[in-house]
Each structure stands twice: as structure tokens, then as C-alpha cells.
């Protein structure tokens, strides 16, 4: 994705079939990975036990997503992956 100046890795919204800290039945993660497409990301996670991504939290007061650093996700818990399109330049 680009903001006119730089190219970023793809951003995904991943729904995990596990409870969230807030108590909801699923947990959603917005993350970036250097995959070039959704299919490439799926192919990658099917070949690893844990996938390392950069996690982002929405800061609604500033209308942006803040980078919270790297996390490792167990692909066995993934129920859905969608390309995240609410991107704002950082």
C-alpha cells in the first residue's frame, strides 16, 4: 500500500477463534506482513507453525493506526483473513 511516498507491506484484519480480552468470543488483529497478496499470505501461514506480523491498534482520537510491534500468531486459531483497507498514512 502506498501513501504517495513509501510502499508499505499489505495490511490484514485477522479474526482469531479465541476470546478477546474484552470478553467477546473472537479476537481481531490488524497487522502488516510483507506478502504481496492475500493468497501469498495464506500460502505463507500454511507453511509455518507461527506467523510473525506487526500489530496495529486503532487510535480513534487521532484517526490512525499505531504500530504496537511484532507478535506471533498461531495459524490454527485463524478463522478469517481480510485485506484491511482503512489505511491511513502513518
PDB file of N, CA and C in Angstrom:
ATOM      1  N   UNK A   1       0.846  -1.162   0.000  1.00  0.00           N
ATOM      2  CA  UNK A   1       0.000   0.000   0.000  1.00  0.00           C
ATOM      3  C   UNK A   1       0.892   1.225   0.000  1.00  0.00           C
ATOM      4  N   UNK A   2       0.431   2.287  -0.578  1.00  0.00           N
ATOM      5  CA  UNK A   2       1.270   3.474  -0.642  1.00  0.00           C
ATOM      6  C   UNK A   2       0.527   4.682  -0.099  1.00  0.00           C
ATOM      7  N   UNK A   3       1.299   5.630   0.390  1.00  0.00           N
ATOM      8  CA  UNK A   3       0.722   6.901   0.817  1.00  0.00           C
ATOM      9  C   UNK A   3       1.206   8.010  -0.105  1.00  0.00           C
ATOM     10  N   UNK A   4       1.736   7.624  -1.278  1.00  0.00           N
ATOM     11  CA  UNK A   4       2.260   8.588  -2.210  1.00  0.00           C
ATOM     12  C   UNK A   4       3.764   8.765  -2.104  1.00  0.00           C
ATOM     13  N   UNK A   5       4.362   8.292  -1.005  1.00  0.00           N
ATOM     14  CA  UNK A   5       5.790   8.475  -0.789  1.00  0.00           C
ATOM     15  C   UNK A   5       6.527   7.160  -0.560  1.00  0.00           C
ATOM     16  N   UNK A   6       5.870   6.232   0.170  1.00  0.00           N
ATOM     17  CA  UNK A   6       6.520   4.970   0.511  1.00  0.00           C
ATOM     18  C   UNK A   6       5.577   3.816   0.205  1.00  0.00           C
ATOM     19  N   UNK A   7       6.141   2.638   0.064  1.00  0.00           N
ATOM     20  CA  UNK A   7       5.332   1.438  -0.117  1.00  0.00           C
ATOM     21  C   UNK A   7       5.365   0.643   1.184  1.00  0.00           C
ATOM     22  N   UNK A   8       4.206   0.278   1.673  1.00  0.00           N
ATOM     23  CA  UNK A   8       4.090  -0.498   2.900  1.00  0.00           C
ATOM     24  C   UNK A   8       3.747  -1.941   2.555  1.00  0.00           C
ATOM     25  N   UNK A   9       4.026  -2.857   3.475  1.00  0.00           N
ATOM     26  CA  UNK A   9       3.549  -4.225   3.280  1.00  0.00           C
ATOM     27  C   UNK A   9       2.012  -4.231   3.286  1.00  0.00           C
ATOM     28  N   UNK A  10       1.440  -5.334   2.951  1.00  0.00           N
ATOM     29  CA  UNK A  10      -0.028  -5.422   2.980  1.00  0.00           C
ATOM     30  C   UNK A  10      -0.516  -5.425   4.419  1.00  0.00           C
ATOM     31  N   UNK A  11      -1.692  -4.877   4.616  1.00  0.00           N
ATOM     32  CA  UNK A  11      -2.310  -4.849   5.940  1.00  0.00           C
ATOM     33  C   UNK A  11      -3.530  -5.765   5.906  1.00  0.00           C
ATOM     34  N   UNK A  12      -3.655  -6.591   6.941  1.00  0.00           N
ATOM     35  CA  UNK A  12      -4.725  -7.573   7.027  1.00  0.00           C
ATOM     36  C   UNK A  12      -5.492  -7.422   8.337  1.00  0.00           C
ATOM     37  N   UNK A  13      -6.767  -7.786   8.310  1.00  0.00           N
ATOM     38  CA  UNK A  13      -7.544  -7.931   9.541  1.00  0.00           C
ATOM     39  C   UNK A  13      -7.777  -9.427   9.706  1.00  0.00           C
ATOM     40  N   UNK A  14      -7.264  -9.970  10.793  1.00  0.00           N
ATOM     41  CA  UNK A  14      -7.356 -11.400  11.070  1.00  0.00           C
ATOM     42  C   UNK A  14      -8.336 -11.619  12.211  1.00  0.00           C
ATOM     43  N   UNK A  15      -9.285 -12.527  12.004  1.00  0.00           N
ATOM     44  CA  UNK A  15     -10.211 -12.915  13.063  1.00  0.00           C
ATOM     45  C   UNK A  15      -9.746 -14.252  13.619  1.00  0.00           C
ATOM     46  N   UNK A  16      -9.466 -14.264  14.926  1.00  0.00           N
ATOM     47  CA  UNK A  16      -8.996 -15.468  15.597  1.00  0.00           C
ATOM     48  C   UNK A  16     -10.146 -16.095  16.372  1.00  0.00           C
ATOM     49  N   UNK A  17     -10.277 -17.401  16.282  1.00  0.00           N
ATOM     50  CA  UNK A  17     -11.323 -18.132  17.006  1.00  0.00           C
ATOM     51  C   UNK A  17     -10.872 -18.375  18.438  1.00  0.00           C
ATOM     52  N   UNK A  18     -10.787 -17.292  19.184  1.00  0.00           N
ATOM     53  CA  UNK A  18     -10.400 -17.327  20.592  1.00  0.00           C
ATOM     54  C   UNK A  18     -10.952 -16.061  21.251  1.00  0.00           C
ATOM     55  N   UNK A  19     -11.219 -16.113  22.544  1.00  0.00           N
ATOM     56  CA  UNK A  19     -11.791 -14.939  23.212  1.00  0.00           C
ATOM     57  C   UNK A  19     -10.842 -13.741  23.220  1.00  0.00           C
ATOM     58  N   UNK A  20     -11.432 -12.583  23.129  1.00  0.00           N
ATOM     59  CA  UNK A  20     -10.675 -11.330  23.242  1.00  0.00           C
ATOM     60  C   UNK A  20     -10.615 -10.914  24.708  1.00  0.00           C
ATOM     61  N   UNK A  21      -9.697 -10.017  25.009  1.00  0.00           N
ATOM     62  CA  UNK A  21      -9.564  -9.504  26.379  1.00  0.00           C
ATOM     63  C   UNK A  21     -10.870  -8.858  26.844  1.00  0.00           C
ATOM     64  N   UNK A  22     -11.621  -8.270  25.905  1.00  0.00           N
ATOM     65  CA  UNK A  22     -12.871  -7.583  26.247  1.00  0.00           C
ATOM     66  C   UNK A  22     -13.998  -8.548  26.586  1.00  0.00           C
ATOM     67  N   UNK A  23     -13.786  -9.852  26.336  1.00  0.00           N
ATOM     68  CA  UNK A  23     -14.810 -10.843  26.643  1.00  0.00           C
ATOM     69  C   UNK A  23     -15.577 -11.340  25.428  1.00  0.00           C
ATOM     70  N   UNK A  24     -15.378 -10.739  24.252  1.00  0.00           N
ATOM     71  CA  UNK A  24     -16.074 -11.230  23.065  1.00  0.00           C
ATOM     72  C   UNK A  24     -15.511 -12.596  22.669  1.00  0.00           C
ATOM     73  N   UNK A  25     -16.283 -13.337  21.890  1.00  0.00           N
ATOM     74  CA  UNK A  25     -15.925 -14.715  21.571  1.00  0.00           C
ATOM     75  C   UNK A  25     -14.795 -14.841  20.554  1.00  0.00           C
ATOM     76  N   UNK A  26     -14.561 -13.795  19.761  1.00  0.00           N
ATOM     77  CA  UNK A  26     -13.462 -13.814  18.793  1.00  0.00           C
ATOM     78  C   UNK A  26     -12.561 -12.618  19.043  1.00  0.00           C
ATOM     79  N   UNK A  27     -11.343 -12.732  18.567  1.00  0.00           N
ATOM     80  CA  UNK A  27     -10.350 -11.680  18.734  1.00  0.00           C
ATOM     81  C   UNK A  27      -9.909 -11.236  17.345  1.00  0.00           C
ATOM     82  N   UNK A  28      -9.928  -9.927  17.064  1.00  0.00           N
ATOM     83  CA  UNK A  28      -9.486  -9.432  15.771  1.00  0.00           C
ATOM     84  C   UNK A  28      -8.164  -8.691  15.915  1.00  0.00           C
ATOM     85  N   UNK A  29      -7.295  -8.927  14.945  1.00  0.00           N
ATOM     86  CA  UNK A  29      -5.972  -8.309  14.928  1.00  0.00           C
ATOM     87  C   UNK A  29      -5.786  -7.623  13.582  1.00  0.00           C
ATOM     88  N   UNK A  30      -5.371  -6.361  13.597  1.00  0.00           N
ATOM     89  CA  UNK A  30      -4.977  -5.662  12.384  1.00  0.00           C
ATOM     90  C   UNK A  30      -3.456  -5.739  12.346  1.00  0.00           C
ATOM     91  N   UNK A  31      -2.933  -6.233  11.220  1.00  0.00           N
ATOM     92  CA  UNK A  31      -1.494  -6.454  11.159  1.00  0.00           C
ATOM     93  C   UNK A  31      -0.962  -6.207   9.758  1.00  0.00           C
ATOM     94  N   UNK A  32       0.358  -6.066   9.674  1.00  0.00           N
ATOM     95  CA  UNK A  32       1.039  -5.940   8.399  1.00  0.00           C
ATOM     96  C   UNK A  32       2.005  -7.100   8.234  1.00  0.00           C
ATOM     97  N   UNK A  33       2.142  -7.535   6.980  1.00  0.00           N
ATOM     98  CA  UNK A  33       3.046  -8.617   6.621  1.00  0.00           C
ATOM     99  C   UNK A  33       3.588  -8.308   5.230  1.00  0.00           C
ATOM    100  N   UNK A  34       4.820  -8.698   4.916  1.00  0.00           N
ATOM    101  CA  UNK A  34       5.381  -8.359   3.610  1.00  0.00           C
ATOM    102  C   UNK A  34       4.828  -9.153   2.429  1.00  0.00           C
ATOM    103  N   UNK A  35       3.787  -9.914   2.617  1.00  0.00           N
ATOM    104  CA  UNK A  35       3.168 -10.637   1.498  1.00  0.00           C
ATOM    105  C   UNK A  35       2.659  -9.651   0.456  1.00  0.00           C
ATOM    106  N   UNK A  36       2.662 -10.081  -0.802  1.00  0.00           N
ATOM    107  CA  UNK A  36       2.224  -9.221  -1.906  1.00  0.00           C
ATOM    108  C   UNK A  36       0.737  -9.363  -2.207  1.00  0.00           C
ATOM    109  N   UNK A  37       0.068 -10.372  -1.595  1.00  0.00           N
ATOM    110  CA  UNK A  37      -1.353 -10.593  -1.846  1.00  0.00           C
ATOM    111  C   UNK A  37      -1.933 -11.425  -0.709  1.00  0.00           C
ATOM    112  N   UNK A  38      -3.247 -11.495  -0.672  1.00  0.00           N
ATOM    113  CA  UNK A  38      -3.916 -12.341   0.310  1.00  0.00           C
ATOM    114  C   UNK A  38      -3.514 -13.802   0.106  1.00  0.00           C
ATOM    115  N   UNK A  39      -3.485 -14.251  -1.150  1.00  0.00           N
ATOM    116  CA  UNK A  39      -3.118 -15.643  -1.430  1.00  0.00           C
ATOM    117  C   UNK A  39      -1.687 -15.941  -0.981  1.00  0.00           C
ATOM    118  N   UNK A  40      -0.767 -15.011  -1.197  1.00  0.00           N
ATOM    119  CA  UNK A  40       0.615 -15.219  -0.754  1.00  0.00           C
ATOM    120  C   UNK A  40       0.690 -15.317   0.762  1.00  0.00           C
ATOM    121  N   UNK A  41      -0.115 -14.509   1.467  1.00  0.00           N
ATOM    122  CA  UNK A  41      -0.141 -14.576   2.925  1.00  0.00           C
ATOM    123  C   UNK A  41      -0.688 -15.929   3.382  1.00  0.00           C
ATOM    124  N   UNK A  42      -1.769 -16.383   2.761  1.00  0.00           N
ATOM    125  CA  UNK A  42      -2.353 -17.686   3.100  1.00  0.00           C
ATOM    126  C   UNK A  42      -1.340 -18.802   2.832  1.00  0.00           C
ATOM    127  N   UNK A  43      -0.673 -18.752   1.694  1.00  0.00           N
ATOM    128  CA  UNK A  43       0.342 -19.761   1.384  1.00  0.00           C
ATOM    129  C   UNK A  43       1.431 -19.771   2.445  1.00  0.00           C
ATOM    130  N   UNK A  44       1.852 -18.589   2.891  1.00  0.00           N
ATOM    131  CA  UNK A  44       2.898 -18.497   3.909  1.00  0.00           C
ATOM    132  C   UNK A  44       2.430 -19.095   5.244  1.00  0.00           C
ATOM    133  N   UNK A  45       1.245 -18.705   5.706  1.00  0.00           N
ATOM    134  CA  UNK A  45       0.817 -19.199   7.025  1.00  0.00           C
ATOM    135  C   UNK A  45       0.536 -20.695   7.015  1.00  0.00           C
ATOM    136  N   UNK A  46       0.279 -21.250   5.843  1.00  0.00           N
ATOM    137  CA  UNK A  46       0.082 -22.705   5.760  1.00  0.00           C
ATOM    138  C   UNK A  46       1.397 -23.469   5.808  1.00  0.00           C
ATOM    139  N   UNK A  47       2.517 -22.759   5.799  1.00  0.00           N
ATOM    140  CA  UNK A  47       3.819 -23.424   5.822  1.00  0.00           C
ATOM    141  C   UNK A  47       4.582 -23.208   7.128  1.00  0.00           C
ATOM    142  N   UNK A  48       3.958 -22.526   8.101  1.00  0.00           N
ATOM    143  CA  UNK A  48       4.649 -22.224   9.364  1.00  0.00           C
ATOM    144  C   UNK A  48       3.758 -22.581  10.556  1.00  0.00           C
ATOM    145  N   UNK A  49       4.401 -22.796  11.706  1.00  0.00           N
ATOM    146  CA  UNK A  49       3.652 -23.044  12.936  1.00  0.00           C
ATOM    147  C   UNK A  49       3.181 -21.746  13.576  1.00  0.00           C
ATOM    148  N   UNK A  50       3.973 -20.693  13.440  1.00  0.00           N
ATOM    149  CA  UNK A  50       3.629 -19.361  13.941  1.00  0.00           C
ATOM    150  C   UNK A  50       3.997 -18.351  12.870  1.00  0.00           C
ATOM    151  N   UNK A  51       3.143 -17.372  12.655  1.00  0.00           N
ATOM    152  CA  UNK A  51       3.436 -16.319  11.685  1.00  0.00           C
ATOM    153  C   UNK A  51       3.725 -15.035  12.468  1.00  0.00           C
ATOM    154  N   UNK A  52       4.818 -14.367  12.098  1.00  0.00           N
ATOM    155  CA  UNK A  52       5.202 -13.114  12.754  1.00  0.00           C
ATOM    156  C   UNK A  52       4.679 -11.960  11.909  1.00  0.00           C
ATOM    157  N   UNK A  53       3.937 -11.060  12.562  1.00  0.00           N
ATOM    158  CA  UNK A  53       3.357  -9.895  11.908  1.00  0.00           C
ATOM    159  C   UNK A  53       3.581  -8.678  12.786  1.00  0.00           C
ATOM    160  N   UNK A  54       3.405  -7.496  12.217  1.00  0.00           N
ATOM    161  CA  UNK A  54       3.409  -6.265  13.015  1.00  0.00           C
ATOM    162  C   UNK A  54       1.966  -5.928  13.329  1.00  0.00           C
ATOM    163  N   UNK A  55       1.672  -5.746  14.606  1.00  0.00           N
ATOM    164  CA  UNK A  55       0.305  -5.499  15.055  1.00  0.00           C
ATOM    165  C   UNK A  55       0.042  -3.999  15.162  1.00  0.00           C
ATOM    166  N   UNK A  56      -1.193  -3.611  14.802  1.00  0.00           N
ATOM    167  CA  UNK A  56      -1.615  -2.216  14.856  1.00  0.00           C
ATOM    168  C   UNK A  56      -2.912  -2.090  15.633  1.00  0.00           C
ATOM    169  N   UNK A  57      -3.000  -1.079  16.498  1.00  0.00           N
ATOM    170  CA  UNK A  57      -4.224  -0.757  17.223  1.00  0.00           C
ATOM    171  C   UNK A  57      -4.768   0.552  16.677  1.00  0.00           C
ATOM    172  N   UNK A  58      -6.069   0.628  16.574  1.00  0.00           N
ATOM    173  CA  UNK A  58      -6.705   1.853  16.096  1.00  0.00           C
ATOM    174  C   UNK A  58      -6.718   2.902  17.199  1.00  0.00           C
ATOM    175  N   UNK A  59      -6.237   4.077  16.866  1.00  0.00           N
ATOM    176  CA  UNK A  59      -6.305   5.240  17.747  1.00  0.00           C
ATOM    177  C   UNK A  59      -7.370   6.154  17.150  1.00  0.00           C
ATOM    178  N   UNK A  60      -8.613   5.994  17.613  1.00  0.00           N
ATOM    179  CA  UNK A  60      -9.722   6.739  17.010  1.00  0.00           C
ATOM    180  C   UNK A  60      -9.623   8.238  17.266  1.00  0.00           C
ATOM    181  N   UNK A  61      -8.974   8.645  18.346  1.00  0.00           N
ATOM    182  CA  UNK A  61      -8.851  10.075  18.621  1.00  0.00           C
ATOM    183  C   UNK A  61      -7.942  10.759  17.598  1.00  0.00           C
ATOM    184  N   UNK A  62      -6.991  10.017  17.050  1.00  0.00           N
ATOM    185  CA  UNK A  62      -6.068  10.590  16.059  1.00  0.00           C
ATOM    186  C   UNK A  62      -6.386  10.103  14.649  1.00  0.00           C
ATOM    187  N   UNK A  63      -7.422   9.264  14.507  1.00  0.00           N
ATOM    188  CA  UNK A  63      -7.842   8.732  13.209  1.00  0.00           C
ATOM    189  C   UNK A  63      -6.697   8.031  12.483  1.00  0.00           C
ATOM    190  N   UNK A  64      -6.029   7.133  13.211  1.00  0.00           N
ATOM    191  CA  UNK A  64      -4.908   6.380  12.626  1.00  0.00           C
ATOM    192  C   UNK A  64      -4.732   5.063  13.375  1.00  0.00           C
ATOM    193  N   UNK A  65      -3.810   4.259  12.848  1.00  0.00           N
ATOM    194  CA  UNK A  65      -3.421   3.013  13.498  1.00  0.00           C
ATOM    195  C   UNK A  65      -1.998   3.156  14.003  1.00  0.00           C
ATOM    196  N   UNK A  66      -1.757   2.759  15.258  1.00  0.00           N
ATOM    197  CA  UNK A  66      -0.428   2.836  15.854  1.00  0.00           C
ATOM    198  C   UNK A  66       0.220   1.463  15.863  1.00  0.00           C
ATOM    199  N   UNK A  67       1.484   1.419  15.490  1.00  0.00           N
ATOM    200  CA  UNK A  67       2.248   0.180  15.471  1.00  0.00           C
ATOM    201  C   UNK A  67       2.551  -0.242  16.899  1.00  0.00           C
ATOM    202  N   UNK A  68       2.172  -1.472  17.244  1.00  0.00           N
ATOM    203  CA  UNK A  68       2.410  -1.995  18.588  1.00  0.00           C
ATOM    204  C   UNK A  68       3.515  -3.040  18.606  1.00  0.00           C
ATOM    205  N   UNK A  69       4.204  -3.207  17.482  1.00  0.00           N
ATOM    206  CA  UNK A  69       5.336  -4.132  17.441  1.00  0.00           C
ATOM    207  C   UNK A  69       4.961  -5.502  16.897  1.00  0.00           C
ATOM    208  N   UNK A  70       5.938  -6.367  16.900  1.00  0.00           N
ATOM    209  CA  UNK A  70       5.748  -7.704  16.343  1.00  0.00           C
ATOM    210  C   UNK A  70       5.037  -8.637  17.318  1.00  0.00           C
ATOM    211  N   UNK A  71       4.199  -9.484  16.750  1.00  0.00           N
ATOM    212  CA  UNK A  71       3.588 -10.576  17.509  1.00  0.00           C
ATOM    213  C   UNK A  71       3.640 -11.829  16.636  1.00  0.00           C
ATOM    214  N   UNK A  72       3.555 -12.979  17.279  1.00  0.00           N
ATOM    215  CA  UNK A  72       3.493 -14.253  16.561  1.00  0.00           C
ATOM    216  C   UNK A  72       2.089 -14.812  16.758  1.00  0.00           C
ATOM    217  N   UNK A  73       1.458 -15.228  15.665  1.00  0.00           N
ATOM    218  CA  UNK A  73       0.097 -15.755  15.685  1.00  0.00           C
ATOM    219  C   UNK A  73       0.132 -17.212  15.252  1.00  0.00           C
ATOM    220  N   UNK A  74      -0.597 -18.047  15.976  1.00  0.00           N
ATOM    221  CA  UNK A  74      -0.738 -19.449  15.615  1.00  0.00           C
ATOM    222  C   UNK A  74      -1.814 -19.550  14.539  1.00  0.00           C
ATOM    223  N   UNK A  75      -1.468 -19.939  13.313  1.00  0.00           N
ATOM    224  CA  UNK A  75      -2.452 -20.012  12.230  1.00  0.00           C
ATOM    225  C   UNK A  75      -3.619 -20.964  12.510  1.00  0.00           C
ATOM    226  N   UNK A  76      -3.438 -21.896  13.435  1.00  0.00           N
ATOM    227  CA  UNK A  76      -4.523 -22.833  13.755  1.00  0.00           C
ATOM    228  C   UNK A  76      -5.739 -22.119  14.347  1.00  0.00           C
ATOM    229  N   UNK A  77      -5.545 -20.921  14.901  1.00  0.00           N
ATOM    230  CA  UNK A  77      -6.637 -20.167  15.515  1.00  0.00           C
ATOM    231  C   UNK A  77      -7.306 -19.198  14.544  1.00  0.00           C
ATOM    232  N   UNK A  78      -6.777 -19.070  13.329  1.00  0.00           N
ATOM    233  CA  UNK A  78      -7.321 -18.107  12.369  1.00  0.00           C
ATOM    234  C   UNK A  78      -8.603 -18.637  11.759  1.00  0.00           C
ATOM    235  N   UNK A  79      -9.654 -17.827  11.828  1.00  0.00           N
ATOM    236  CA  UNK A  79     -10.939 -18.179  11.232  1.00  0.00           C
ATOM    237  C   UNK A  79     -11.206 -17.409   9.955  1.00  0.00           C
ATOM    238  N   UNK A  80     -10.649 -16.196   9.843  1.00  0.00           N
ATOM    239  CA  UNK A  80     -10.896 -15.371   8.662  1.00  0.00           C
ATOM    240  C   UNK A  80      -9.761 -14.363   8.516  1.00  0.00           C
ATOM    241  N   UNK A  81      -9.414 -14.076   7.255  1.00  0.00           N
ATOM    242  CA  UNK A  81      -8.414 -13.056   6.951  1.00  0.00           C
ATOM    243  C   UNK A  81      -8.987 -12.177   5.852  1.00  0.00           C
ATOM    244  N   UNK A  82      -8.890 -10.879   6.045  1.00  0.00           N
ATOM    245  CA  UNK A  82      -9.379  -9.935   5.051  1.00  0.00           C
ATOM    246  C   UNK A  82      -8.312  -8.865   4.844  1.00  0.00           C
ATOM    247  N   UNK A  83      -8.135  -8.430   3.599  1.00  0.00           N
ATOM    248  CA  UNK A  83      -7.239  -7.304   3.359  1.00  0.00           C
ATOM    249  C   UNK A  83      -7.868  -6.091   4.020  1.00  0.00           C
ATOM    250  N   UNK A  84      -7.100  -5.415   4.847  1.00  0.00           N
ATOM    251  CA  UNK A  84      -7.600  -4.264   5.608  1.00  0.00           C
ATOM    252  C   UNK A  84      -7.437  -3.014   4.755  1.00  0.00           C
ATOM    253  N   UNK A  85      -8.534  -2.321   4.494  1.00  0.00           N
ATOM    254  CA  UNK A  85      -8.496  -1.186   3.576  1.00  0.00           C
ATOM    255  C   UNK A  85      -8.728   0.168   4.238  1.00  0.00           C
ATOM    256  N   UNK A  86      -8.774   0.236   5.546  1.00  0.00           N
ATOM    257  CA  UNK A  86      -8.990   1.511   6.243  1.00  0.00           C
ATOM    258  C   UNK A  86      -7.686   2.222   6.507  1.00  0.00           C
ATOM    259  N   UNK A  87      -6.691   2.004   5.677  1.00  0.00           N
ATOM    260  CA  UNK A  87      -5.357   2.526   5.930  1.00  0.00           C
ATOM    261  C   UNK A  87      -5.293   4.037   5.865  1.00  0.00           C
ATOM    262  N   UNK A  88      -4.538   4.574   6.775  1.00  0.00           N
ATOM    263  CA  UNK A  88      -4.201   5.995   6.783  1.00  0.00           C
ATOM    264  C   UNK A  88      -2.685   6.072   6.798  1.00  0.00           C
ATOM    265  N   UNK A  89      -2.067   7.004   6.105  1.00  0.00           N
ATOM    266  CA  UNK A  89      -0.621   7.151   6.187  1.00  0.00           C
ATOM    267  C   UNK A  89      -0.190   7.387   7.615  1.00  0.00           C
ATOM    268  N   UNK A  90       0.949   6.796   7.994  1.00  0.00           N
ATOM    269  CA  UNK A  90       1.470   6.947   9.354  1.00  0.00           C
ATOM    270  C   UNK A  90       2.380   8.151   9.448  1.00  0.00           C
TER     271      UNK A  90
END
